[in-house]
C-alpha atoms as a PDB file:
ATOM      1  CA  MET A   1      -7.850  -1.967  11.207  1.00  0.00           C
ATOM      2  CA  ARG A   2      -3.949  -1.915  11.545  1.00  0.00           C
ATOM      3  CA  LYS A   3      -2.001  -3.722   8.726  1.00  0.00           C
ATOM      4  CA  GLU A   4      -0.869  -6.435  10.384  1.00  0.00           C
ATOM      5  CA  ASN A   5      -4.033  -7.602  11.462  1.00  0.00           C
ATOM      6  CA  LEU A   6      -5.997  -7.518   7.910  1.00  0.00           C
ATOM      7  CA  PRO A   7      -7.619 -10.715   6.898  1.00  0.00           C
ATOM      8  CA  ILE A   8      -5.715 -12.951   4.346  1.00  0.00           C
ATOM      9  CA  LYS A   9      -7.211 -15.335   1.871  1.00  0.00           C
ATOM     10  CA  VAL A  10      -5.237 -17.837  -0.457  1.00  0.00           C
ATOM     11  CA  CYS A  11      -5.813 -17.732  -4.317  1.00  0.00           C
ATOM     12  CA  PRO A  12      -7.132 -20.732  -5.784  1.00  0.00           C
ATOM     13  CA  ILE A  13      -5.388 -20.356  -9.067  1.00  0.00           C
ATOM     14  CA  CYS A  14      -1.944 -18.771  -8.343  1.00  0.00           C
ATOM     15  CA  GLN A  15      -1.808 -20.193  -4.467  1.00  0.00           C
ATOM     16  CA  ARG A  16      -0.612 -16.767  -3.320  1.00  0.00           C
ATOM     17  CA  SER A  17      -2.203 -14.881  -0.151  1.00  0.00           C
ATOM     18  CA  PHE A  18      -3.708 -11.624  -0.611  1.00  0.00           C
ATOM     19  CA  LYS A  19      -4.585  -9.205   2.094  1.00  0.00           C
ATOM     20  CA  TRP A  20      -7.854  -7.446   2.434  1.00  0.00           C
ATOM     21  CA  ARG A  21      -8.349  -4.309   0.512  1.00  0.00           C
ATOM     22  CA  LYS A  22     -10.451  -1.182   1.266  1.00  0.00           C
ATOM     23  CA  LYS A  23     -12.382  -1.549  -2.504  1.00  0.00           C
ATOM     24  CA  TRP A  24     -13.116  -5.249  -1.065  1.00  0.00           C
ATOM     25  CA  ARG A  25     -14.718  -4.208   2.276  1.00  0.00           C
ATOM     26  CA  LEU A  26     -18.293  -4.466   1.191  1.00  0.00           C
ATOM     27  CA  ASN A  27     -17.964  -8.012  -0.639  1.00  0.00           C
ATOM     28  CA  TRP A  28     -14.793  -9.635   1.144  1.00  0.00           C
ATOM     29  CA  GLU A  29     -16.930 -12.662   1.598  1.00  0.00           C
ATOM     30  CA  LYS A  30     -17.271 -13.226  -1.907  1.00  0.00           C
ATOM     31  CA  VAL A  31     -13.645 -12.511  -3.129  1.00  0.00           C
ATOM     32  CA  LYS A  32     -11.690 -15.575  -4.195  1.00  0.00           C
ATOM     33  CA  TYR A  33      -9.058 -14.549  -6.506  1.00  0.00           C
ATOM     34  CA  CYS A  34      -6.198 -11.970  -6.114  1.00  0.00           C
ATOM     35  CA  SER A  35      -6.266  -9.959  -9.538  1.00  0.00           C
ATOM     36  CA  LYS A  36      -8.659 -10.086 -12.611  1.00  0.00           C
ATOM     37  CA  LYS A  37      -5.968 -12.194 -14.211  1.00  0.00           C
ATOM     38  CA  CYS A  38      -6.609 -15.379 -12.322  1.00  0.00           C
ATOM     39  CA  SER A  39     -10.099 -14.294 -12.224  1.00  0.00           C
ATOM     40  CA  SER A  40     -10.414 -14.990 -15.902  1.00  0.00           C
ATOM     41  CA  LYS A  41      -8.261 -18.058 -15.546  1.00  0.00           C
ATOM     42  CA  LYS A  42     -11.287 -19.894 -13.927  1.00  0.00           C
END
């Protein structure tokens, strides 16, 4: 995949957009938060 074609999501906590990362390749559908910090603020 090219960098400009990567999927993007918006974090529900901070409202920032974040792109697909290789470490999320197996569970991209389940990823909701951009970082551990946002994840802990649920």
